[in-house]
Amino acid sequence: MTKTRSAKSPTARERLLSAADELFYAEGVHTVGIDRIIERAGVAKASLYNTFGGKEQLIHAYLDARHARMSERLLGAVDRADGPRARLLAVFEAQGEQFSRPDFRGCAFVAASAEARQGGAIEEASDASRTWIRDLFTGLARDAGAPEPAALAQQLHLLYDGGGVSARMDRDPSAALAARTAAAVLIDAALATRA
């Protein structure tokens, strides 16, 4: 009997990404060295360089994986919401669920890009994630009938960012409720101006 793919041991790439996710998110991408990642992953140094090319590319892959999980979580919440207004607020509700997790350390993209080289792979991954969130808000605002969906999306994105920073810096999961409440006011005001 042959093993299925899911029953196989994780590949070196999967082990490296798992170690990177754990260490980079807990301690920061700039403070965790390659040797710690390699040791945690249980792979040879050559595996990291053959798979990713270097630390910056590993950080990019780590951020891409975090984005994939975040977008899946947000889209799942949006899909479960009933009605256009609720779909916009679902983004804040899904974000807020993360704030009370014991391992919550804030936004991985904010942390990684804080000291990233301008124009590098880390900035590229962070920019792509931010663009995705802004596009999500814009599309949901358009679906809700907001007369200026891009303007509402920018406002909601600011609240989304601020909620995450506040929850982390103040160690206060209730920032989620404050961000959601403010978002509801902005959404209702925007929708009230429809012709």
N, C-alpha and C. Protein backbone atom coordinates (compact mmCIF):
# COMPACT_ATOMS: atom_id res chain seq x y z
N MET A 1 0.84 -1.18 0.00
CA MET A 1 0.00 0.00 0.00
C MET A 1 0.89 1.24 0.00
N THR A 2 0.62 2.18 -0.89
CA THR A 2 1.41 3.40 -0.97
C THR A 2 0.78 4.49 -0.12
N LYS A 3 1.64 5.34 0.38
CA LYS A 3 1.15 6.46 1.19
C LYS A 3 0.57 7.53 0.28
N THR A 4 -0.48 8.16 0.75
CA THR A 4 -1.01 9.30 0.02
C THR A 4 -0.18 10.53 0.36
N ARG A 5 -0.31 11.58 -0.40
CA ARG A 5 0.46 12.80 -0.18
C ARG A 5 0.22 13.36 1.22
N SER A 6 -1.02 13.29 1.69
CA SER A 6 -1.32 13.86 3.00
C SER A 6 -0.71 13.06 4.14
N ALA A 7 -0.38 11.79 3.89
CA ALA A 7 0.18 10.95 4.94
C ALA A 7 1.71 11.03 4.97
N LYS A 8 2.31 11.64 3.96
CA LYS A 8 3.76 11.75 3.90
C LYS A 8 4.27 12.78 4.89
N SER A 9 5.53 12.63 5.21
CA SER A 9 6.18 13.62 6.06
C SER A 9 6.25 14.95 5.31
N PRO A 10 6.24 16.05 6.05
CA PRO A 10 6.32 17.35 5.39
C PRO A 10 7.63 17.48 4.61
N THR A 11 7.56 18.17 3.50
CA THR A 11 8.76 18.42 2.69
C THR A 11 9.65 19.43 3.42
N ALA A 12 10.87 19.56 2.92
CA ALA A 12 11.79 20.55 3.50
C ALA A 12 11.19 21.95 3.37
N ARG A 13 10.54 22.24 2.25
CA ARG A 13 9.91 23.55 2.05
C ARG A 13 8.82 23.77 3.10
N GLU A 14 7.98 22.77 3.32
CA GLU A 14 6.90 22.88 4.30
C GLU A 14 7.47 23.05 5.71
N ARG A 15 8.53 22.33 6.03
CA ARG A 15 9.13 22.46 7.36
C ARG A 15 9.77 23.83 7.55
N LEU A 16 10.42 24.33 6.51
CA LEU A 16 11.02 25.66 6.59
C LEU A 16 9.95 26.74 6.77
N LEU A 17 8.87 26.63 6.01
CA LEU A 17 7.79 27.61 6.14
C LEU A 17 7.12 27.54 7.51
N SER A 18 6.95 26.34 8.02
CA SER A 18 6.35 26.19 9.35
C SER A 18 7.24 26.81 10.42
N ALA A 19 8.53 26.55 10.34
CA ALA A 19 9.47 27.13 11.30
C ALA A 19 9.51 28.65 11.16
N ALA A 20 9.52 29.13 9.92
CA ALA A 20 9.53 30.57 9.69
C ALA A 20 8.28 31.21 10.25
N ASP A 21 7.13 30.59 10.01
CA ASP A 21 5.87 31.14 10.51
C ASP A 21 5.90 31.25 12.03
N GLU A 22 6.33 30.21 12.68
CA GLU A 22 6.37 30.21 14.14
C GLU A 22 7.35 31.26 14.68
N LEU A 23 8.57 31.24 14.18
CA LEU A 23 9.61 32.12 14.73
C LEU A 23 9.48 33.57 14.26
N PHE A 24 9.23 33.77 12.98
CA PHE A 24 9.12 35.14 12.48
C PHE A 24 7.94 35.86 13.12
N TYR A 25 6.81 35.18 13.25
CA TYR A 25 5.64 35.86 13.82
C TYR A 25 5.84 36.15 15.30
N ALA A 26 6.44 35.22 16.02
CA ALA A 26 6.62 35.40 17.47
C ALA A 26 7.72 36.40 17.81
N GLU A 27 8.79 36.43 17.00
CA GLU A 27 9.96 37.21 17.39
C GLU A 27 10.37 38.29 16.41
N GLY A 28 9.86 38.23 15.19
CA GLY A 28 10.20 39.23 14.19
C GLY A 28 11.12 38.70 13.12
N VAL A 29 10.90 39.15 11.90
CA VAL A 29 11.68 38.65 10.77
C VAL A 29 13.13 39.13 10.81
N HIS A 30 13.37 40.26 11.43
CA HIS A 30 14.71 40.81 11.43
C HIS A 30 15.56 40.31 12.58
N THR A 31 14.94 39.77 13.62
CA THR A 31 15.71 39.28 14.76
C THR A 31 16.00 37.79 14.69
N VAL A 32 15.20 37.05 13.93
CA VAL A 32 15.40 35.61 13.81
C VAL A 32 16.35 35.32 12.66
N GLY A 33 17.44 34.65 12.99
CA GLY A 33 18.43 34.32 11.97
C GLY A 33 18.10 33.03 11.24
N ILE A 34 18.73 32.89 10.11
CA ILE A 34 18.55 31.71 9.26
C ILE A 34 18.91 30.43 10.01
N ASP A 35 19.95 30.47 10.81
CA ASP A 35 20.37 29.25 11.53
C ASP A 35 19.28 28.73 12.45
N ARG A 36 18.53 29.64 13.08
CA ARG A 36 17.44 29.19 13.96
C ARG A 36 16.31 28.56 13.16
N ILE A 37 16.02 29.12 12.00
CA ILE A 37 14.98 28.56 11.14
C ILE A 37 15.40 27.16 10.69
N ILE A 38 16.63 27.02 10.24
CA ILE A 38 17.14 25.74 9.75
C ILE A 38 17.11 24.70 10.87
N GLU A 39 17.55 25.10 12.06
CA GLU A 39 17.54 24.18 13.20
C GLU A 39 16.12 23.75 13.55
N ARG A 40 15.20 24.70 13.61
CA ARG A 40 13.81 24.38 13.95
C ARG A 40 13.18 23.48 12.89
N ALA A 41 13.51 23.73 11.63
CA ALA A 41 12.94 22.95 10.53
C ALA A 41 13.59 21.57 10.41
N GLY A 42 14.80 21.42 10.96
CA GLY A 42 15.49 20.14 10.87
C GLY A 42 15.95 19.83 9.45
N VAL A 43 16.44 20.86 8.76
CA VAL A 43 16.93 20.67 7.40
C VAL A 43 18.36 21.20 7.29
N ALA A 44 19.00 20.85 6.19
CA ALA A 44 20.35 21.36 5.92
C ALA A 44 20.26 22.80 5.40
N LYS A 45 21.30 23.56 5.65
CA LYS A 45 21.34 24.95 5.18
C LYS A 45 21.12 25.03 3.67
N ALA A 46 21.67 24.06 2.95
CA ALA A 46 21.52 24.04 1.49
C ALA A 46 20.05 23.94 1.10
N SER A 47 19.24 23.27 1.91
CA SER A 47 17.81 23.15 1.59
C SER A 47 17.15 24.51 1.55
N LEU A 48 17.50 25.37 2.49
CA LEU A 48 16.91 26.71 2.51
C LEU A 48 17.30 27.48 1.27
N TYR A 49 18.59 27.47 0.95
CA TYR A 49 19.05 28.25 -0.19
C TYR A 49 18.58 27.66 -1.52
N ASN A 50 18.51 26.34 -1.61
CA ASN A 50 18.01 25.71 -2.83
C ASN A 50 16.52 25.96 -3.02
N THR A 51 15.78 26.03 -1.91
CA THR A 51 14.33 26.19 -1.99
C THR A 51 13.92 27.64 -2.14
N PHE A 52 14.55 28.53 -1.39
CA PHE A 52 14.10 29.93 -1.36
C PHE A 52 15.13 30.92 -1.91
N GLY A 53 16.38 30.56 -1.90
CA GLY A 53 17.41 31.46 -2.40
C GLY A 53 18.05 32.31 -1.32
N GLY A 54 17.32 32.61 -0.26
CA GLY A 54 17.87 33.42 0.82
C GLY A 54 16.79 33.80 1.81
N LYS A 55 17.20 34.55 2.83
CA LYS A 55 16.27 34.91 3.90
C LYS A 55 15.14 35.81 3.41
N GLU A 56 15.44 36.78 2.58
CA GLU A 56 14.39 37.70 2.13
C GLU A 56 13.31 36.95 1.35
N GLN A 57 13.71 36.00 0.54
CA GLN A 57 12.73 35.22 -0.22
C GLN A 57 11.92 34.30 0.71
N LEU A 58 12.57 33.80 1.77
CA LEU A 58 11.85 33.00 2.76
C LEU A 58 10.81 33.87 3.48
N ILE A 59 11.19 35.10 3.82
CA ILE A 59 10.24 36.01 4.46
C ILE A 59 9.08 36.30 3.52
N HIS A 60 9.37 36.50 2.25
CA HIS A 60 8.31 36.73 1.26
C HIS A 60 7.35 35.54 1.22
N ALA A 61 7.89 34.33 1.21
CA ALA A 61 7.04 33.13 1.19
C ALA A 61 6.23 33.01 2.48
N TYR A 62 6.84 33.34 3.61
CA TYR A 62 6.14 33.34 4.90
C TYR A 62 4.97 34.33 4.86
N LEU A 63 5.21 35.53 4.33
CA LEU A 63 4.15 36.53 4.24
C LEU A 63 3.06 36.10 3.27
N ASP A 64 3.46 35.49 2.16
CA ASP A 64 2.46 34.98 1.21
C ASP A 64 1.56 33.94 1.87
N ALA A 65 2.16 33.06 2.67
CA ALA A 65 1.37 32.02 3.36
C ALA A 65 0.43 32.65 4.39
N ARG A 66 0.91 33.66 5.11
CA ARG A 66 0.04 34.34 6.07
C ARG A 66 -1.10 35.06 5.35
N HIS A 67 -0.79 35.67 4.21
CA HIS A 67 -1.83 36.34 3.43
C HIS A 67 -2.88 35.33 2.97
N ALA A 68 -2.45 34.18 2.51
CA ALA A 68 -3.39 33.16 2.04
C ALA A 68 -4.34 32.74 3.16
N ARG A 69 -3.82 32.54 4.36
CA ARG A 69 -4.68 32.16 5.49
C ARG A 69 -5.61 33.30 5.87
N MET A 70 -5.09 34.54 5.87
CA MET A 70 -5.91 35.69 6.22
C MET A 70 -7.03 35.88 5.20
N SER A 71 -6.70 35.83 3.92
CA SER A 71 -7.72 36.05 2.90
C SER A 71 -8.78 34.96 2.94
N GLU A 72 -8.37 33.74 3.20
CA GLU A 72 -9.35 32.64 3.34
C GLU A 72 -10.29 32.90 4.51
N ARG A 73 -9.72 33.36 5.62
CA ARG A 73 -10.52 33.65 6.82
C ARG A 73 -11.50 34.81 6.56
N LEU A 74 -11.01 35.88 5.95
CA LEU A 74 -11.86 37.03 5.68
C LEU A 74 -12.95 36.70 4.67
N LEU A 75 -12.59 36.03 3.60
CA LEU A 75 -13.59 35.68 2.58
C LEU A 75 -14.63 34.71 3.12
N GLY A 76 -14.20 33.81 4.00
CA GLY A 76 -15.16 32.90 4.64
C GLY A 76 -16.17 33.67 5.46
N ALA A 77 -15.71 34.65 6.21
CA ALA A 77 -16.61 35.46 7.04
C ALA A 77 -17.56 36.27 6.15
N VAL A 78 -17.02 36.84 5.08
CA VAL A 78 -17.85 37.62 4.15
C VAL A 78 -18.92 36.72 3.53
N ASP A 79 -18.53 35.54 3.10
CA ASP A 79 -19.49 34.62 2.47
C ASP A 79 -20.61 34.18 3.41
N ARG A 80 -20.32 34.12 4.69
CA ARG A 80 -21.33 33.70 5.67
C ARG A 80 -22.27 34.84 6.07
N ALA A 81 -21.89 36.07 5.77
CA ALA A 81 -22.68 37.24 6.18
C ALA A 81 -23.91 37.38 5.30
N ASP A 82 -24.95 37.93 5.90
CA ASP A 82 -26.23 38.09 5.21
C ASP A 82 -26.46 39.56 4.87
N GLY A 83 -26.26 39.91 3.63
CA GLY A 83 -26.52 41.27 3.18
C GLY A 83 -25.24 42.07 3.00
N PRO A 84 -25.27 43.09 2.14
CA PRO A 84 -24.08 43.88 1.81
C PRO A 84 -23.45 44.60 3.00
N ARG A 85 -24.26 45.21 3.86
CA ARG A 85 -23.72 45.91 5.03
C ARG A 85 -23.04 44.91 5.96
N ALA A 86 -23.68 43.79 6.20
CA ALA A 86 -23.12 42.76 7.07
C ALA A 86 -21.83 42.19 6.50
N ARG A 87 -21.75 42.13 5.17
CA ARG A 87 -20.53 41.61 4.54
C ARG A 87 -19.34 42.54 4.81
N LEU A 88 -19.58 43.84 4.78
CA LEU A 88 -18.51 44.79 5.11
C LEU A 88 -18.07 44.63 6.57
N LEU A 89 -19.05 44.52 7.46
CA LEU A 89 -18.73 44.40 8.88
C LEU A 89 -18.11 43.05 9.22
N ALA A 90 -18.37 42.04 8.40
CA ALA A 90 -17.80 40.71 8.65
C ALA A 90 -16.28 40.72 8.59
N VAL A 91 -15.72 41.61 7.80
CA VAL A 91 -14.26 41.72 7.72
C VAL A 91 -13.71 42.09 9.10
N PHE A 92 -14.36 43.02 9.76
CA PHE A 92 -13.91 43.44 11.10
C PHE A 92 -14.14 42.35 12.13
N GLU A 93 -15.23 41.63 11.99
CA GLU A 93 -15.52 40.54 12.93
C GLU A 93 -14.48 39.43 12.80
N ALA A 94 -14.12 39.09 11.57
CA ALA A 94 -13.11 38.06 11.35
C ALA A 94 -11.75 38.51 11.86
N GLN A 95 -11.42 39.77 11.63
CA GLN A 95 -10.16 40.30 12.15
C GLN A 95 -10.15 40.25 13.67
N GLY A 96 -11.26 40.66 14.28
CA GLY A 96 -11.35 40.71 15.73
C GLY A 96 -11.22 39.36 16.40
N GLU A 97 -11.61 38.29 15.71
CA GLU A 97 -11.45 36.95 16.28
C GLU A 97 -9.99 36.63 16.55
N GLN A 98 -9.10 37.23 15.78
CA GLN A 98 -7.67 36.98 15.96
C GLN A 98 -7.10 37.70 17.18
N PHE A 99 -7.73 38.82 17.56
CA PHE A 99 -7.18 39.65 18.62
C PHE A 99 -7.14 38.95 19.97
N SER A 100 -8.03 38.03 20.22
CA SER A 100 -8.06 37.36 21.52
C SER A 100 -7.26 36.07 21.54
N ARG A 101 -6.65 35.73 20.44
CA ARG A 101 -5.80 34.52 20.42
C ARG A 101 -4.57 34.76 21.30
N PRO A 102 -4.16 33.76 22.08
CA PRO A 102 -3.00 33.96 22.95
C PRO A 102 -1.70 34.24 22.19
N ASP A 103 -1.63 33.82 20.94
CA ASP A 103 -0.42 34.04 20.16
C ASP A 103 -0.51 35.28 19.25
N PHE A 104 -1.53 36.10 19.44
CA PHE A 104 -1.69 37.29 18.60
C PHE A 104 -0.55 38.27 18.85
N ARG A 105 0.16 38.62 17.78
CA ARG A 105 1.29 39.54 17.89
C ARG A 105 1.14 40.71 16.93
N GLY A 106 -0.07 40.96 16.47
CA GLY A 106 -0.29 42.07 15.55
C GLY A 106 -0.18 41.62 14.10
N CYS A 107 -0.14 42.58 13.24
CA CYS A 107 -0.08 42.31 11.80
C CYS A 107 1.33 41.91 11.39
N ALA A 108 1.46 40.74 10.81
CA ALA A 108 2.76 40.24 10.36
C ALA A 108 3.36 41.15 9.30
N PHE A 109 2.51 41.77 8.49
CA PHE A 109 2.99 42.63 7.41
C PHE A 109 3.54 43.95 7.94
N VAL A 110 2.87 44.51 8.93
CA VAL A 110 3.38 45.74 9.55
C VAL A 110 4.73 45.46 10.20
N ALA A 111 4.80 44.37 10.95
CA ALA A 111 6.04 44.02 11.65
C ALA A 111 7.18 43.77 10.65
N ALA A 112 6.92 43.01 9.61
CA ALA A 112 7.97 42.66 8.66
C ALA A 112 8.44 43.86 7.85
N SER A 113 7.52 44.72 7.47
CA SER A 113 7.88 45.83 6.60
C SER A 113 8.47 47.02 7.35
N ALA A 114 8.36 47.02 8.68
CA ALA A 114 8.84 48.15 9.46
C ALA A 114 10.31 48.46 9.20
N GLU A 115 11.11 47.45 8.99
CA GLU A 115 12.54 47.66 8.76
C GLU A 115 12.99 47.07 7.43
N ALA A 116 12.06 46.80 6.56
CA ALA A 116 12.40 46.17 5.28
C ALA A 116 13.07 47.15 4.33
N ARG A 117 13.86 46.59 3.47
CA ARG A 117 14.52 47.38 2.43
C ARG A 117 13.47 47.86 1.44
N GLN A 118 13.53 49.15 1.11
CA GLN A 118 12.57 49.72 0.18
C GLN A 118 12.71 49.05 -1.18
N GLY A 119 11.57 48.62 -1.73
CA GLY A 119 11.57 47.99 -3.04
C GLY A 119 11.93 46.52 -3.04
N GLY A 120 12.15 45.94 -1.86
CA GLY A 120 12.54 44.54 -1.78
C GLY A 120 11.35 43.59 -1.74
N ALA A 121 11.64 42.33 -1.59
CA ALA A 121 10.61 41.27 -1.61
C ALA A 121 9.64 41.40 -0.45
N ILE A 122 10.10 41.86 0.71
CA ILE A 122 9.23 42.00 1.87
C ILE A 122 8.21 43.11 1.63
N GLU A 123 8.68 44.23 1.12
CA GLU A 123 7.77 45.33 0.80
C GLU A 123 6.78 44.90 -0.28
N GLU A 124 7.25 44.15 -1.24
CA GLU A 124 6.38 43.66 -2.32
C GLU A 124 5.25 42.79 -1.76
N ALA A 125 5.57 41.86 -0.87
CA ALA A 125 4.55 40.99 -0.28
C ALA A 125 3.57 41.80 0.57
N SER A 126 4.08 42.76 1.31
CA SER A 126 3.22 43.59 2.15
C SER A 126 2.31 44.47 1.30
N ASP A 127 2.85 45.04 0.26
CA ASP A 127 2.04 45.88 -0.64
C ASP A 127 0.93 45.06 -1.29
N ALA A 128 1.25 43.86 -1.71
CA ALA A 128 0.25 43.00 -2.36
C ALA A 128 -0.88 42.67 -1.40
N SER A 129 -0.55 42.40 -0.16
CA SER A 129 -1.58 42.08 0.83
C SER A 129 -2.46 43.29 1.11
N ARG A 130 -1.86 44.46 1.24
CA ARG A 130 -2.63 45.67 1.50
C ARG A 130 -3.54 46.00 0.32
N THR A 131 -3.03 45.82 -0.88
CA THR A 131 -3.85 46.07 -2.07
C THR A 131 -5.04 45.12 -2.09
N TRP A 132 -4.82 43.88 -1.72
CA TRP A 132 -5.91 42.89 -1.70
C TRP A 132 -7.00 43.32 -0.72
N ILE A 133 -6.60 43.74 0.49
CA ILE A 133 -7.58 44.17 1.49
C ILE A 133 -8.34 45.40 1.01
N ARG A 134 -7.63 46.37 0.44
CA ARG A 134 -8.29 47.57 -0.07
C ARG A 134 -9.27 47.21 -1.18
N ASP A 135 -8.86 46.31 -2.07
CA ASP A 135 -9.75 45.87 -3.15
C ASP A 135 -10.98 45.14 -2.59
N LEU A 136 -10.78 44.35 -1.54
CA LEU A 136 -11.90 43.66 -0.90
C LEU A 136 -12.90 44.69 -0.38
N PHE A 137 -12.41 45.67 0.37
CA PHE A 137 -13.29 46.71 0.90
C PHE A 137 -13.98 47.49 -0.23
N THR A 138 -13.24 47.80 -1.28
CA THR A 138 -13.83 48.56 -2.39
C THR A 138 -14.95 47.77 -3.05
N GLY A 139 -14.72 46.49 -3.32
CA GLY A 139 -15.74 45.67 -3.94
C GLY A 139 -16.97 45.51 -3.06
N LEU A 140 -16.75 45.31 -1.77
CA LEU A 140 -17.88 45.17 -0.85
C LEU A 140 -18.65 46.49 -0.72
N ALA A 141 -17.93 47.61 -0.72
CA ALA A 141 -18.59 48.93 -0.64
C ALA A 141 -19.41 49.17 -1.91
N ARG A 142 -18.87 48.78 -3.04
CA ARG A 142 -19.60 48.92 -4.30
C ARG A 142 -20.86 48.05 -4.27
N ASP A 143 -20.72 46.82 -3.82
CA ASP A 143 -21.87 45.92 -3.72
C ASP A 143 -22.95 46.46 -2.78
N ALA A 144 -22.51 47.18 -1.74
CA ALA A 144 -23.46 47.74 -0.78
C ALA A 144 -24.15 48.99 -1.33
N GLY A 145 -23.65 49.52 -2.44
CA GLY A 145 -24.27 50.70 -3.04
C GLY A 145 -23.66 52.01 -2.58
N ALA A 146 -22.48 51.98 -2.00
CA ALA A 146 -21.84 53.23 -1.58
C ALA A 146 -21.57 54.08 -2.80
N PRO A 147 -21.93 55.37 -2.76
CA PRO A 147 -21.73 56.23 -3.92
C PRO A 147 -20.26 56.44 -4.28
N GLU A 148 -19.39 56.38 -3.28
CA GLU A 148 -17.94 56.52 -3.51
C GLU A 148 -17.25 55.33 -2.85
N PRO A 149 -17.28 54.16 -3.48
CA PRO A 149 -16.76 52.95 -2.84
C PRO A 149 -15.27 53.03 -2.51
N ALA A 150 -14.48 53.68 -3.33
CA ALA A 150 -13.04 53.76 -3.06
C ALA A 150 -12.77 54.61 -1.81
N ALA A 151 -13.53 55.69 -1.64
CA ALA A 151 -13.35 56.55 -0.47
C ALA A 151 -13.76 55.80 0.81
N LEU A 152 -14.89 55.11 0.75
CA LEU A 152 -15.32 54.32 1.92
C LEU A 152 -14.31 53.22 2.21
N ALA A 153 -13.80 52.58 1.17
CA ALA A 153 -12.81 51.51 1.35
C ALA A 153 -11.57 52.04 2.05
N GLN A 154 -11.12 53.23 1.67
CA GLN A 154 -9.94 53.81 2.31
C GLN A 154 -10.20 54.05 3.80
N GLN A 155 -11.37 54.57 4.12
CA GLN A 155 -11.72 54.82 5.53
C GLN A 155 -11.79 53.51 6.31
N LEU A 156 -12.42 52.51 5.73
CA LEU A 156 -12.54 51.22 6.42
C LEU A 156 -11.19 50.55 6.58
N HIS A 157 -10.33 50.71 5.59
CA HIS A 157 -8.99 50.13 5.68
C HIS A 157 -8.20 50.78 6.81
N LEU A 158 -8.37 52.10 6.98
CA LEU A 158 -7.71 52.78 8.09
C LEU A 158 -8.19 52.23 9.44
N LEU A 159 -9.49 52.00 9.55
CA LEU A 159 -10.02 51.41 10.78
C LEU A 159 -9.50 49.99 11.00
N TYR A 160 -9.44 49.22 9.93
CA TYR A 160 -8.92 47.85 10.00
C TYR A 160 -7.48 47.86 10.52
N ASP A 161 -6.64 48.71 9.91
CA ASP A 161 -5.25 48.82 10.35
C ASP A 161 -5.16 49.29 11.80
N GLY A 162 -5.92 50.33 12.11
CA GLY A 162 -5.89 50.89 13.46
C GLY A 162 -6.36 49.91 14.51
N GLY A 163 -7.38 49.13 14.19
CA GLY A 163 -7.85 48.11 15.12
C GLY A 163 -6.77 47.10 15.43
N GLY A 164 -6.06 46.65 14.39
CA GLY A 164 -4.99 45.68 14.59
C GLY A 164 -3.84 46.23 15.41
N VAL A 165 -3.44 47.46 15.11
CA VAL A 165 -2.35 48.08 15.85
C VAL A 165 -2.76 48.30 17.30
N SER A 166 -3.97 48.79 17.52
CA SER A 166 -4.45 49.05 18.88
C SER A 166 -4.54 47.75 19.68
N ALA A 167 -5.09 46.70 19.07
CA ALA A 167 -5.20 45.43 19.77
C ALA A 167 -3.83 44.92 20.20
N ARG A 168 -2.83 45.09 19.35
CA ARG A 168 -1.48 44.63 19.67
C ARG A 168 -0.79 45.54 20.68
N MET A 169 -0.76 46.83 20.39
CA MET A 169 0.00 47.75 21.23
C MET A 169 -0.61 47.92 22.62
N ASP A 170 -1.94 47.92 22.68
CA ASP A 170 -2.62 48.09 23.96
C ASP A 170 -2.94 46.75 24.63
N ARG A 171 -2.66 45.66 23.90
CA ARG A 171 -3.00 44.31 24.38
C ARG A 171 -4.47 44.29 24.80
N ASP A 172 -5.31 44.80 23.87
CA ASP A 172 -6.73 44.97 24.17
C ASP A 172 -7.58 44.43 23.03
N PRO A 173 -8.07 43.20 23.16
CA PRO A 173 -8.91 42.62 22.11
C PRO A 173 -10.20 43.39 21.85
N SER A 174 -10.63 44.23 22.80
CA SER A 174 -11.86 44.99 22.58
C SER A 174 -11.71 46.04 21.49
N ALA A 175 -10.49 46.25 21.00
CA ALA A 175 -10.29 47.15 19.87
C ALA A 175 -11.11 46.69 18.67
N ALA A 176 -11.37 45.40 18.60
CA ALA A 176 -12.18 44.86 17.50
C ALA A 176 -13.58 45.45 17.52
N LEU A 177 -14.19 45.51 18.68
CA LEU A 177 -15.53 46.07 18.79
C LEU A 177 -15.54 47.56 18.47
N ALA A 178 -14.53 48.27 18.93
CA ALA A 178 -14.44 49.71 18.64
C ALA A 178 -14.29 49.95 17.14
N ALA A 179 -13.44 49.16 16.48
CA ALA A 179 -13.24 49.31 15.03
C ALA A 179 -14.52 48.96 14.28
N ARG A 180 -15.19 47.90 14.69
CA ARG A 180 -16.43 47.48 14.03
C ARG A 180 -17.51 48.55 14.21
N THR A 181 -17.62 49.11 15.41
CA THR A 181 -18.63 50.14 15.69
C THR A 181 -18.37 51.38 14.84
N ALA A 182 -17.12 51.80 14.76
CA ALA A 182 -16.78 52.96 13.93
C ALA A 182 -17.05 52.65 12.45
N ALA A 183 -16.74 51.44 12.02
CA ALA A 183 -17.00 51.04 10.64
C ALA A 183 -18.49 51.11 10.32
N ALA A 184 -19.32 50.64 11.25
CA ALA A 184 -20.78 50.69 11.04
C ALA A 184 -21.26 52.12 10.85
N VAL A 185 -20.71 53.05 11.63
CA VAL A 185 -21.09 54.47 11.49
C VAL A 185 -20.69 54.99 10.11
N LEU A 186 -19.48 54.68 9.68
CA LEU A 186 -19.02 55.13 8.36
C LEU A 186 -19.86 54.52 7.23
N ILE A 187 -20.15 53.25 7.35
CA ILE A 187 -20.94 52.56 6.32
C ILE A 187 -22.33 53.17 6.25
N ASP A 188 -22.97 53.33 7.41
CA ASP A 188 -24.32 53.89 7.43
C ASP A 188 -24.35 55.31 6.87
N ALA A 189 -23.34 56.11 7.19
CA ALA A 189 -23.28 57.48 6.67
C ALA A 189 -23.10 57.47 5.15
N ALA A 190 -22.24 56.59 4.66
CA ALA A 190 -22.01 56.51 3.21
C ALA A 190 -23.28 56.05 2.49
N LEU A 191 -23.94 55.08 3.04
CA LEU A 191 -25.14 54.54 2.38
C LEU A 191 -26.31 55.51 2.46
N ALA A 192 -26.32 56.37 3.47
CA ALA A 192 -27.39 57.35 3.61
C ALA A 192 -27.32 58.43 2.54
N THR A 193 -26.15 58.59 1.92
CA THR A 193 -25.97 59.63 0.91
C THR A 193 -26.33 59.15 -0.49
N ARG A 194 -26.78 57.91 -0.60
CA ARG A 194 -27.15 57.40 -1.92
C ARG A 194 -28.30 58.21 -2.50
N ALA A 195 -28.25 58.44 -3.77
CA ALA A 195 -29.31 59.22 -4.43
C ALA A 195 -30.55 58.38 -4.62
